[in-house]
N, C-alpha and C. Protein backbone atom coordinates (compact mmCIF):
# COMPACT_ATOMS: atom_id res chain seq x y z
N MET A 1 -21.47 -87.90 -14.36
CA MET A 1 -22.03 -88.20 -12.91
C MET A 1 -23.26 -87.16 -12.91
N SER A 2 -24.08 -88.02 -11.97
CA SER A 2 -25.34 -87.01 -11.67
C SER A 2 -25.26 -86.32 -10.44
N ILE A 3 -26.26 -85.47 -10.31
CA ILE A 3 -26.41 -84.64 -9.06
C ILE A 3 -26.48 -85.34 -7.71
N VAL A 4 -27.13 -86.52 -7.85
CA VAL A 4 -27.49 -87.39 -6.88
C VAL A 4 -26.38 -87.87 -6.21
N THR A 5 -25.19 -88.52 -7.06
CA THR A 5 -24.15 -88.79 -6.76
C THR A 5 -23.33 -87.70 -6.09
N LEU A 6 -23.38 -86.77 -6.51
CA LEU A 6 -22.31 -85.55 -6.01
C LEU A 6 -23.34 -84.81 -4.49
N LEU A 7 -24.37 -85.22 -4.49
CA LEU A 7 -25.07 -84.62 -3.21
C LEU A 7 -24.46 -84.83 -1.99
N PRO A 8 -24.12 -85.96 -1.59
CA PRO A 8 -23.64 -86.22 -0.30
C PRO A 8 -22.27 -85.54 -0.03
N PHE A 9 -21.43 -85.19 -1.26
CA PHE A 9 -20.24 -84.73 -0.95
C PHE A 9 -20.21 -83.27 -0.84
N ILE A 10 -21.44 -82.53 -1.51
CA ILE A 10 -21.64 -81.14 -1.33
C ILE A 10 -22.40 -80.88 0.04
N VAL A 11 -22.97 -81.63 0.66
CA VAL A 11 -23.47 -81.47 1.86
C VAL A 11 -22.27 -81.47 2.87
N LEU A 12 -21.53 -82.72 2.60
CA LEU A 12 -20.32 -82.83 3.56
C LEU A 12 -19.43 -81.50 3.53
N ILE A 13 -19.12 -80.93 2.13
CA ILE A 13 -18.38 -80.06 2.14
C ILE A 13 -19.05 -78.83 2.74
N GLY A 14 -20.32 -78.48 2.61
CA GLY A 14 -20.99 -77.43 3.42
C GLY A 14 -20.86 -77.50 4.77
N ALA A 15 -21.06 -78.51 5.37
CA ALA A 15 -20.92 -78.60 6.77
C ALA A 15 -19.63 -78.51 7.48
N MET A 16 -18.44 -78.82 6.76
CA MET A 16 -17.17 -78.71 7.00
C MET A 16 -16.99 -77.27 6.89
N PHE A 17 -17.48 -76.39 5.99
CA PHE A 17 -17.22 -74.97 6.00
C PHE A 17 -17.89 -74.43 7.05
N LEU A 18 -19.21 -74.58 7.51
CA LEU A 18 -19.85 -73.99 8.59
C LEU A 18 -19.27 -74.39 9.71
N MET A 19 -18.65 -75.51 9.99
CA MET A 19 -18.18 -75.64 11.30
C MET A 19 -16.79 -74.82 11.23
N THR A 20 -16.00 -74.72 10.39
CA THR A 20 -14.74 -73.91 10.61
C THR A 20 -14.99 -72.54 10.40
N ARG A 21 -16.25 -71.98 9.85
CA ARG A 21 -16.29 -70.66 10.10
C ARG A 21 -16.78 -70.42 11.44
N SER A 22 -17.60 -71.12 12.18
CA SER A 22 -17.90 -70.86 13.52
C SER A 22 -16.86 -70.97 14.38
N ALA A 23 -15.88 -71.85 14.15
CA ALA A 23 -14.72 -71.81 15.10
C ALA A 23 -13.84 -70.84 14.95
N LYS A 24 -13.78 -70.15 13.61
CA LYS A 24 -12.95 -68.86 13.24
C LYS A 24 -13.35 -67.73 13.99
N LYS A 25 -14.82 -67.86 13.95
CA LYS A 25 -15.56 -66.46 14.74
C LYS A 25 -15.21 -66.21 16.21
N LYS A 26 -15.32 -67.64 16.78
CA LYS A 26 -14.78 -67.77 18.20
C LYS A 26 -13.53 -67.47 18.67
N GLN A 27 -12.62 -67.70 17.53
CA GLN A 27 -11.08 -67.38 17.97
C GLN A 27 -10.99 -66.08 17.76
N GLN A 28 -11.65 -65.47 16.58
CA GLN A 28 -11.66 -64.03 16.57
C GLN A 28 -12.21 -63.33 17.72
N ALA A 29 -13.22 -63.81 18.21
CA ALA A 29 -13.94 -63.07 19.26
C ALA A 29 -13.09 -63.06 20.69
N ALA A 30 -12.40 -64.37 20.75
CA ALA A 30 -11.47 -64.35 22.02
C ALA A 30 -10.16 -63.60 21.89
N ALA A 31 -9.60 -63.44 20.58
CA ALA A 31 -8.38 -62.82 20.24
C ALA A 31 -8.79 -61.12 20.62
N GLN A 32 -10.06 -60.69 20.23
CA GLN A 32 -10.49 -59.37 20.46
C GLN A 32 -10.55 -59.00 21.97
N MET A 33 -11.18 -59.94 22.60
CA MET A 33 -11.33 -59.67 24.22
C MET A 33 -9.99 -59.58 24.72
N ARG A 34 -8.93 -60.58 24.37
CA ARG A 34 -7.64 -60.38 25.04
C ARG A 34 -7.01 -59.10 24.40
N ASN A 35 -7.33 -58.61 23.41
CA ASN A 35 -6.48 -57.36 22.89
C ASN A 35 -7.05 -55.92 23.63
N GLU A 36 -8.33 -56.35 24.01
CA GLU A 36 -9.21 -55.15 24.76
C GLU A 36 -8.85 -55.07 26.16
N MET A 37 -8.04 -55.99 26.74
CA MET A 37 -7.97 -55.92 28.22
C MET A 37 -6.95 -54.75 28.65
N GLN A 38 -7.53 -54.22 29.96
CA GLN A 38 -6.95 -53.05 30.08
C GLN A 38 -6.42 -53.29 31.56
N ALA A 39 -5.62 -52.42 32.02
CA ALA A 39 -4.97 -52.62 33.55
C ALA A 39 -6.55 -52.17 34.45
N GLY A 40 -6.51 -53.17 35.54
CA GLY A 40 -7.65 -52.87 36.65
C GLY A 40 -8.79 -54.01 35.97
N THR A 41 -8.87 -54.25 35.00
CA THR A 41 -10.07 -55.29 34.73
C THR A 41 -9.84 -56.78 35.49
N GLY A 42 -11.05 -57.19 35.73
CA GLY A 42 -11.00 -58.52 36.31
C GLY A 42 -10.79 -59.53 35.03
N VAL A 43 -10.15 -60.63 35.32
CA VAL A 43 -10.08 -61.61 34.46
C VAL A 43 -10.40 -63.08 35.12
N ARG A 44 -10.59 -64.11 34.24
CA ARG A 44 -10.62 -65.41 34.68
C ARG A 44 -9.41 -66.06 33.72
N THR A 45 -8.60 -66.80 34.24
CA THR A 45 -7.54 -67.59 33.47
C THR A 45 -8.56 -69.17 32.97
N ILE A 46 -7.69 -69.67 31.92
CA ILE A 46 -8.24 -70.97 31.65
C ILE A 46 -8.39 -72.02 32.70
N GLY A 47 -7.37 -71.90 33.60
CA GLY A 47 -7.33 -72.83 34.75
C GLY A 47 -8.61 -72.57 35.90
N GLY A 48 -8.95 -71.26 35.63
CA GLY A 48 -10.15 -71.11 36.56
C GLY A 48 -9.71 -70.05 37.71
N MET A 49 -8.64 -69.32 37.81
CA MET A 49 -8.15 -68.57 38.65
C MET A 49 -8.58 -67.16 38.22
N TYR A 50 -9.24 -66.32 39.21
CA TYR A 50 -9.57 -64.98 38.92
C TYR A 50 -8.40 -64.08 39.59
N ALA A 51 -8.36 -63.07 38.66
CA ALA A 51 -7.26 -62.09 38.97
C ALA A 51 -7.68 -60.82 38.43
N THR A 52 -6.68 -59.61 38.81
CA THR A 52 -6.83 -58.29 38.03
C THR A 52 -5.68 -58.25 37.47
N VAL A 53 -5.78 -57.55 36.29
CA VAL A 53 -4.86 -57.33 35.28
C VAL A 53 -4.11 -55.99 35.91
N LYS A 54 -2.84 -55.97 35.95
CA LYS A 54 -1.75 -54.75 36.28
C LYS A 54 -1.29 -54.26 35.05
N GLU A 55 -0.73 -55.12 34.25
CA GLU A 55 0.08 -54.40 32.95
C GLU A 55 -0.30 -55.59 31.86
N VAL A 56 -0.39 -55.08 30.48
CA VAL A 56 -0.75 -55.88 29.45
C VAL A 56 0.59 -55.28 28.38
N HIS A 57 1.21 -56.78 28.28
CA HIS A 57 2.28 -56.53 27.04
C HIS A 57 1.91 -57.21 25.75
N ASP A 58 2.64 -57.47 24.85
CA ASP A 58 2.31 -57.91 23.76
C ASP A 58 1.87 -59.29 23.56
N GLU A 59 2.72 -60.25 24.40
CA GLU A 59 2.28 -61.56 24.51
C GLU A 59 1.95 -62.30 25.70
N THR A 60 2.10 -61.21 26.84
CA THR A 60 2.34 -61.54 28.24
C THR A 60 1.00 -60.68 28.99
N VAL A 61 0.67 -61.06 30.09
CA VAL A 61 -0.17 -60.33 30.95
C VAL A 61 0.32 -60.25 32.56
N LEU A 62 0.48 -59.24 33.03
CA LEU A 62 0.74 -59.24 34.35
C LEU A 62 -0.53 -59.16 35.29
N LEU A 63 -0.68 -60.37 36.09
CA LEU A 63 -1.81 -60.48 36.91
C LEU A 63 -1.53 -60.34 38.49
N GLU A 64 -2.49 -59.77 38.95
CA GLU A 64 -2.51 -59.79 40.61
C GLU A 64 -3.53 -60.85 41.02
N VAL A 65 -2.88 -61.82 41.57
CA VAL A 65 -3.87 -62.95 41.90
C VAL A 65 -4.20 -62.83 43.33
N ALA A 66 -3.59 -61.76 43.99
CA ALA A 66 -3.74 -61.74 45.60
C ALA A 66 -3.20 -60.60 45.90
N PRO A 67 -3.57 -59.45 46.89
CA PRO A 67 -3.03 -58.38 47.23
C PRO A 67 -1.46 -58.55 47.48
N GLY A 68 -0.78 -57.97 46.51
CA GLY A 68 0.73 -58.06 46.62
C GLY A 68 1.43 -59.20 45.86
N VAL A 69 0.67 -60.06 45.37
CA VAL A 69 1.21 -61.29 44.77
C VAL A 69 0.93 -61.01 42.96
N HIS A 70 1.78 -61.11 42.52
CA HIS A 70 1.89 -60.91 41.11
C HIS A 70 2.42 -61.97 40.02
N ALA A 71 1.90 -62.33 39.17
CA ALA A 71 2.04 -63.50 38.20
C ALA A 71 2.06 -63.07 36.83
N ILE A 72 3.11 -63.57 35.92
CA ILE A 72 3.17 -63.29 34.40
C ILE A 72 2.27 -64.27 33.75
N TYR A 73 1.18 -64.32 33.01
CA TYR A 73 0.62 -65.17 32.26
C TYR A 73 0.80 -64.73 30.64
N ALA A 74 0.64 -65.74 29.85
CA ALA A 74 0.50 -65.62 28.52
C ALA A 74 -0.78 -65.05 28.16
N LYS A 75 -1.03 -64.26 27.13
CA LYS A 75 -2.43 -63.41 26.70
C LYS A 75 -3.41 -64.81 26.64
N ASN A 76 -2.66 -65.91 25.93
CA ASN A 76 -3.68 -67.01 25.56
C ASN A 76 -4.25 -67.71 26.87
N ALA A 77 -3.66 -67.44 27.96
CA ALA A 77 -4.21 -68.20 29.14
C ALA A 77 -5.41 -67.52 29.90
N ILE A 78 -5.74 -66.30 29.38
CA ILE A 78 -6.85 -65.69 29.54
C ILE A 78 -8.13 -66.09 29.11
N GLY A 79 -9.11 -66.72 29.87
CA GLY A 79 -10.26 -67.27 29.54
C GLY A 79 -11.38 -66.40 29.38
N ALA A 80 -11.50 -65.18 30.29
CA ALA A 80 -12.73 -64.38 29.86
C ALA A 80 -12.09 -63.29 30.78
N VAL A 81 -12.75 -61.94 30.15
CA VAL A 81 -12.51 -60.54 30.78
C VAL A 81 -13.93 -60.67 31.46
N ILE A 82 -14.03 -60.18 32.93
CA ILE A 82 -15.19 -60.08 33.47
C ILE A 82 -15.70 -58.69 33.90
N ALA A 83 -16.83 -58.39 33.88
CA ALA A 83 -17.33 -57.25 34.43
C ALA A 83 -17.09 -56.75 35.55
N ASP A 84 -17.16 -55.58 35.70
CA ASP A 84 -16.51 -55.30 37.46
C ASP A 84 -17.50 -55.69 38.20
N GLU A 85 -18.73 -55.69 38.01
CA GLU A 85 -19.80 -56.05 39.16
C GLU A 85 -19.61 -57.37 39.40
N GLU A 86 -19.41 -58.32 38.13
CA GLU A 86 -19.48 -59.65 38.45
C GLU A 86 -17.93 -60.23 39.18
N TYR A 87 -17.08 -59.32 38.82
CA TYR A 87 -15.67 -59.77 39.34
C TYR A 87 -15.72 -59.33 41.05
N ASN A 88 -16.51 -58.34 41.28
CA ASN A 88 -16.45 -57.98 42.72
C ASN A 88 -17.51 -59.08 43.42
N ARG A 89 -18.49 -59.18 42.86
CA ARG A 89 -19.40 -60.16 43.56
C ARG A 89 -18.60 -61.74 43.74
N ILE A 90 -17.87 -62.11 42.73
CA ILE A 90 -16.99 -63.25 42.69
C ILE A 90 -16.09 -63.13 43.89
N LEU A 91 -15.07 -61.93 44.01
CA LEU A 91 -14.52 -61.88 45.07
C LEU A 91 -14.79 -61.61 46.45
N ASP A 92 -15.99 -60.93 46.59
CA ASP A 92 -16.61 -60.89 48.01
C ASP A 92 -17.22 -62.23 48.40
N GLY A 93 -17.56 -63.16 47.41
CA GLY A 93 -18.38 -64.09 47.95
C GLY A 93 -19.94 -64.25 47.92
N ALA A 94 -20.25 -62.83 47.57
CA ALA A 94 -21.78 -62.45 47.68
C ALA A 94 -22.44 -63.20 46.50
N ASP A 95 -23.53 -64.20 46.76
CA ASP A 95 -24.22 -64.50 45.90
C ASP A 95 -25.65 -64.23 45.79
N PRO A 96 -26.14 -63.27 44.92
CA PRO A 96 -27.39 -62.62 45.01
C PRO A 96 -28.46 -63.77 44.78
N LEU A 97 -28.15 -64.91 43.91
CA LEU A 97 -29.03 -65.98 43.58
C LEU A 97 -29.61 -66.62 44.87
N HIS A 98 -28.74 -66.75 45.95
CA HIS A 98 -28.97 -67.38 47.15
C HIS A 98 -29.08 -66.38 48.20
N ALA A 99 -29.44 -65.29 47.94
CA ALA A 99 -29.40 -64.30 49.35
C ALA A 99 -30.56 -64.61 50.33
N GLY A 100 -31.55 -65.15 50.07
CA GLY A 100 -32.57 -65.62 50.87
C GLY A 100 -32.46 -66.89 51.55
N GLU A 101 -31.66 -67.74 51.52
CA GLU A 101 -31.49 -68.80 51.85
C GLU A 101 -30.44 -68.91 52.99
N PRO A 102 -31.11 -69.58 53.91
CA PRO A 102 -30.05 -69.68 55.01
C PRO A 102 -28.44 -70.09 54.83
N VAL A 103 -27.50 -69.71 55.63
CA VAL A 103 -26.26 -70.05 55.41
C VAL A 103 -25.82 -71.09 56.26
N VAL A 104 -24.93 -71.98 55.71
CA VAL A 104 -24.56 -73.13 56.61
C VAL A 104 -23.46 -72.84 57.24
N PRO A 105 -23.41 -73.12 58.66
CA PRO A 105 -22.17 -72.46 59.32
C PRO A 105 -21.13 -73.47 58.90
N ASP A 106 -19.83 -73.11 59.25
CA ASP A 106 -18.61 -73.83 59.16
C ASP A 106 -18.41 -74.86 60.24
N ASP A 107 -19.02 -74.70 61.43
CA ASP A 107 -18.93 -75.71 62.36
C ASP A 107 -20.15 -76.29 62.53
N ALA A 108 -20.53 -77.43 63.84
CA ALA A 108 -21.69 -78.02 63.80
C ALA A 108 -22.31 -77.54 64.97
N SER A 109 -22.14 -76.34 65.55
CA SER A 109 -22.71 -75.89 66.56
C SER A 109 -24.29 -75.69 66.61
N SER A 110 -24.54 -75.23 65.42
CA SER A 110 -26.20 -74.96 65.14
C SER A 110 -26.60 -76.33 64.88
N LEU A 111 -26.23 -77.26 64.76
CA LEU A 111 -26.75 -78.51 64.11
C LEU A 111 -26.99 -79.64 65.15
N THR A 112 -26.72 -79.17 66.72
CA THR A 112 -26.69 -80.01 67.58
C THR A 112 -28.10 -79.76 68.36
N GLY A 113 -28.85 -78.99 67.97
CA GLY A 113 -30.25 -78.92 68.92
C GLY A 113 -30.28 -77.68 69.93
N ASP A 114 -31.34 -77.52 70.74
CA ASP A 114 -31.50 -76.52 71.92
C ASP A 114 -30.62 -77.17 73.02
N ALA A 115 -30.44 -78.23 73.20
CA ALA A 115 -29.89 -78.44 74.60
C ALA A 115 -28.37 -78.24 74.47
N ALA A 116 -27.84 -78.51 73.34
CA ALA A 116 -26.37 -78.19 72.94
C ALA A 116 -26.12 -76.76 73.02
N ALA A 117 -26.92 -75.97 72.33
CA ALA A 117 -27.08 -74.48 72.65
C ALA A 117 -26.88 -73.94 73.91
N GLU A 118 -27.88 -74.38 74.78
CA GLU A 118 -28.03 -74.10 76.13
C GLU A 118 -26.58 -74.42 76.82
N ALA A 119 -26.30 -75.68 76.71
CA ALA A 119 -24.92 -76.26 77.38
C ALA A 119 -23.85 -75.29 76.92
N THR A 120 -23.50 -75.01 75.82
CA THR A 120 -22.42 -74.12 75.50
C THR A 120 -22.41 -72.95 75.91
N THR A 121 -23.60 -72.19 75.75
CA THR A 121 -23.72 -70.87 76.57
C THR A 121 -23.37 -70.90 78.14
N LYS A 122 -23.63 -71.98 78.81
CA LYS A 122 -23.31 -72.06 80.18
C LYS A 122 -22.03 -72.59 80.39
N GLY A 123 -21.23 -73.16 79.41
CA GLY A 123 -20.15 -73.45 79.60
C GLY A 123 -19.89 -75.13 79.94
N ASP A 124 -21.37 -75.59 79.83
CA ASP A 124 -21.34 -77.12 80.49
C ASP A 124 -20.53 -78.02 79.29
N LYS A 125 -20.12 -79.31 79.60
CA LYS A 125 -19.83 -80.27 78.53
C LYS A 125 -20.96 -80.73 78.06
N ILE A 126 -21.12 -81.38 76.83
CA ILE A 126 -22.10 -82.15 76.29
C ILE A 126 -21.89 -83.35 76.19
N ASP A 127 -22.78 -84.40 76.47
CA ASP A 127 -22.94 -85.68 76.74
C ASP A 127 -23.31 -86.30 75.19
N LEU A 128 -22.18 -86.75 74.40
CA LEU A 128 -22.33 -87.20 73.12
C LEU A 128 -22.58 -88.97 73.31
N GLY A 129 -22.81 -89.69 74.51
CA GLY A 129 -22.81 -90.81 74.53
C GLY A 129 -24.01 -91.19 73.96
N LYS A 130 -24.29 -92.73 74.38
CA LYS A 130 -25.65 -93.31 73.87
C LYS A 130 -26.68 -93.08 74.90
N VAL A 131 -27.85 -92.93 74.36
CA VAL A 131 -28.95 -92.41 75.34
C VAL A 131 -29.64 -93.60 75.45
N GLU A 132 -29.77 -93.99 76.62
CA GLU A 132 -30.63 -95.02 77.07
C GLU A 132 -32.09 -94.95 76.87
N THR A 133 -32.69 -95.92 76.61
CA THR A 133 -34.31 -95.95 76.72
C THR A 133 -34.75 -96.16 78.09
N PRO A 134 -35.91 -95.59 78.12
CA PRO A 134 -36.74 -95.79 79.38
C PRO A 134 -37.03 -97.34 79.84
N ALA A 135 -37.38 -97.79 80.81
CA ALA A 135 -37.48 -99.32 80.98
C ALA A 135 -38.67 -99.72 80.36
N GLY A 136 -39.72 -99.12 80.12
CA GLY A 136 -40.98 -99.46 79.68
C GLY A 136 -40.65 -99.74 78.12
N ASP A 137 -39.91 -98.85 77.50
CA ASP A 137 -39.71 -98.49 75.91
C ASP A 137 -38.78 -99.88 75.37
N LYS A 138 -39.29 -100.79 74.80
CA LYS A 138 -38.44 -101.80 74.28
C LYS A 138 -38.46 -101.98 72.83
N THR A 139 -37.39 -102.01 72.29
CA THR A 139 -37.42 -102.47 70.75
C THR A 139 -37.91 -103.86 70.26
N ALA A 140 -37.83 -103.88 69.09
CA ALA A 140 -38.24 -105.23 68.55
C ALA A 140 -37.18 -106.13 68.97
N ALA A 141 -35.79 -105.89 68.85
CA ALA A 141 -34.80 -106.63 69.07
C ALA A 141 -34.87 -107.17 70.70
N ASP A 142 -35.44 -106.28 71.57
CA ASP A 142 -35.51 -106.68 72.92
C ASP A 142 -36.53 -107.78 73.00
N GLU A 143 -37.63 -107.39 72.40
CA GLU A 143 -38.63 -108.30 72.56
C GLU A 143 -38.68 -109.92 72.23
N ALA A 144 -37.65 -110.04 71.04
CA ALA A 144 -37.60 -111.37 70.48
C ALA A 144 -36.84 -112.14 71.40
N PRO A 145 -37.24 -113.52 71.50
CA PRO A 145 -36.74 -114.44 72.18
C PRO A 145 -35.18 -114.50 72.13
N ALA A 146 -34.43 -115.03 73.19
CA ALA A 146 -32.93 -114.82 72.98
C ALA A 146 -32.45 -116.16 72.12
N ASP A 147 -33.33 -117.19 72.05
CA ASP A 147 -32.94 -118.25 71.41
C ASP A 147 -33.33 -118.39 70.00
N THR A 148 -33.71 -117.08 69.40
CA THR A 148 -34.14 -117.10 68.12
C THR A 148 -32.79 -117.26 67.07
N ASP A 149 -31.78 -116.57 67.43
CA ASP A 149 -30.56 -116.76 66.63
C ASP A 149 -30.18 -118.02 66.48
N ALA A 150 -29.93 -118.92 67.48
CA ALA A 150 -29.59 -120.19 67.66
C ALA A 150 -30.56 -121.12 66.78
N LYS A 151 -31.80 -120.84 66.99
CA LYS A 151 -32.90 -121.50 66.00
C LYS A 151 -32.63 -121.37 64.63
N ASP A 152 -32.37 -119.93 64.15
CA ASP A 152 -32.17 -119.67 62.81
C ASP A 152 -30.91 -120.43 62.16
N ALA A 153 -29.98 -120.31 63.09
CA ALA A 153 -28.71 -120.97 62.65
C ALA A 153 -28.81 -122.16 62.55
N LYS A 154 -29.50 -123.09 63.18
CA LYS A 154 -29.83 -124.58 63.27
C LYS A 154 -30.65 -124.69 61.85
N ASP A 155 -31.60 -123.93 61.65
CA ASP A 155 -32.44 -124.37 60.34
C ASP A 155 -31.85 -124.04 59.17
N ALA A 156 -30.61 -122.89 59.19
CA ALA A 156 -29.96 -122.87 57.97
C ALA A 156 -29.11 -124.01 57.71
N LYS A 157 -28.38 -124.69 58.76
CA LYS A 157 -27.69 -125.47 58.74
C LYS A 157 -28.13 -126.96 58.25
N GLY A 158 -29.32 -127.07 58.54
CA GLY A 158 -30.28 -128.33 58.03
C GLY A 158 -30.52 -127.82 56.67
N ALA A 159 -30.82 -126.91 56.08
CA ALA A 159 -31.29 -126.66 54.94
C ALA A 159 -30.07 -126.74 53.86
N ALA A 160 -28.78 -126.36 54.35
CA ALA A 160 -27.72 -126.70 53.63
C ALA A 160 -27.19 -128.24 53.51
N GLU A 161 -27.41 -128.92 54.61
CA GLU A 161 -27.18 -130.41 54.49
C GLU A 161 -28.21 -130.94 53.51
N ALA A 162 -29.41 -130.55 53.57
CA ALA A 162 -30.50 -131.23 52.54
C ALA A 162 -30.12 -130.85 51.25
N ASP A 163 -29.33 -129.75 50.80
CA ASP A 163 -29.21 -129.30 49.57
C ASP A 163 -28.11 -130.21 49.23
N ALA A 164 -27.07 -130.44 49.98
CA ALA A 164 -26.08 -131.18 49.67
C ALA A 164 -26.23 -132.60 49.41
N ASP A 165 -27.33 -133.20 50.27
CA ASP A 165 -27.76 -134.49 50.16
C ASP A 165 -28.59 -134.47 48.57
N ALA A 166 -29.20 -133.64 48.22
CA ALA A 166 -29.99 -133.69 47.01
C ALA A 166 -28.93 -133.53 45.93
N ALA A 167 -27.67 -132.92 46.01
CA ALA A 167 -26.87 -132.79 44.85
C ALA A 167 -26.16 -134.01 44.68
N LYS A 168 -25.78 -134.95 45.70
CA LYS A 168 -25.38 -136.21 45.85
C LYS A 168 -26.35 -137.12 44.88
N GLU A 169 -27.58 -137.17 45.19
CA GLU A 169 -28.51 -138.00 44.68
C GLU A 169 -28.63 -137.76 43.24
N ASP A 170 -28.64 -136.38 42.67
CA ASP A 170 -28.58 -136.08 41.41
C ASP A 170 -27.52 -136.62 40.70
N LYS A 171 -26.10 -136.43 41.25
CA LYS A 171 -24.94 -137.12 40.70
C LYS A 171 -25.21 -138.48 40.44
N LYS A 172 -25.42 -139.27 41.44
CA LYS A 172 -25.60 -140.64 41.45
C LYS A 172 -26.79 -141.24 40.45
N SER A 173 -27.66 -140.34 40.18
CA SER A 173 -28.73 -140.86 39.29
C SER A 173 -28.13 -140.64 37.72
N GLY A 174 -27.31 -139.30 37.72
CA GLY A 174 -26.62 -139.20 36.22
C GLY A 174 -25.47 -140.13 35.95
N ASP A 175 -24.88 -140.77 36.89
CA ASP A 175 -24.16 -141.73 36.50
C ASP A 175 -24.77 -142.95 36.31
N ASP A 176 -25.78 -143.39 36.86
CA ASP A 176 -26.29 -144.57 36.52
C ASP A 176 -27.06 -144.60 35.14
N ALA A 177 -27.37 -143.18 34.63
CA ALA A 177 -27.79 -143.35 33.25
C ALA A 177 -27.29 -143.69 32.39
N LYS A 178 -25.72 -143.36 32.37
CA LYS A 178 -24.97 -143.72 31.40
C LYS A 178 -24.51 -145.27 30.96
């Protein structure tokens, strides 16, 4: 056999070797990270839950998911050990990337405008009904003649009848050709 025939097999075996080697390195790094966990460090589970490590055992970890709430997890369920600064930032909800941006409120009080703000400070009720336009301001719908809709409907009916008649004529002429 020549080298040209063996070249695709050699390339395939080399690619498989490189892929398994990188996967092994990732598994070893994850195992080392899990073995270096200590009590008091912040972790993220593979399910996305953030918790604090309380105790580390051979195969399990005791996590505090909320103050006074403890859960036992398998070590393999720990997705990442998080640095203290990052963990505290996540728990506090402070996001330095968006620190200069305005905060969107939980309620719609700031979205209703100045009149609503004044009314709420005075204790008045806000009228959320339809605002009527002044007598001089008319919309395009108001300016259109009232019989326009009826005229459009009549035109559409006439067009439909003309199409039906044309279809009948086509059918008759097709029957005569046979």
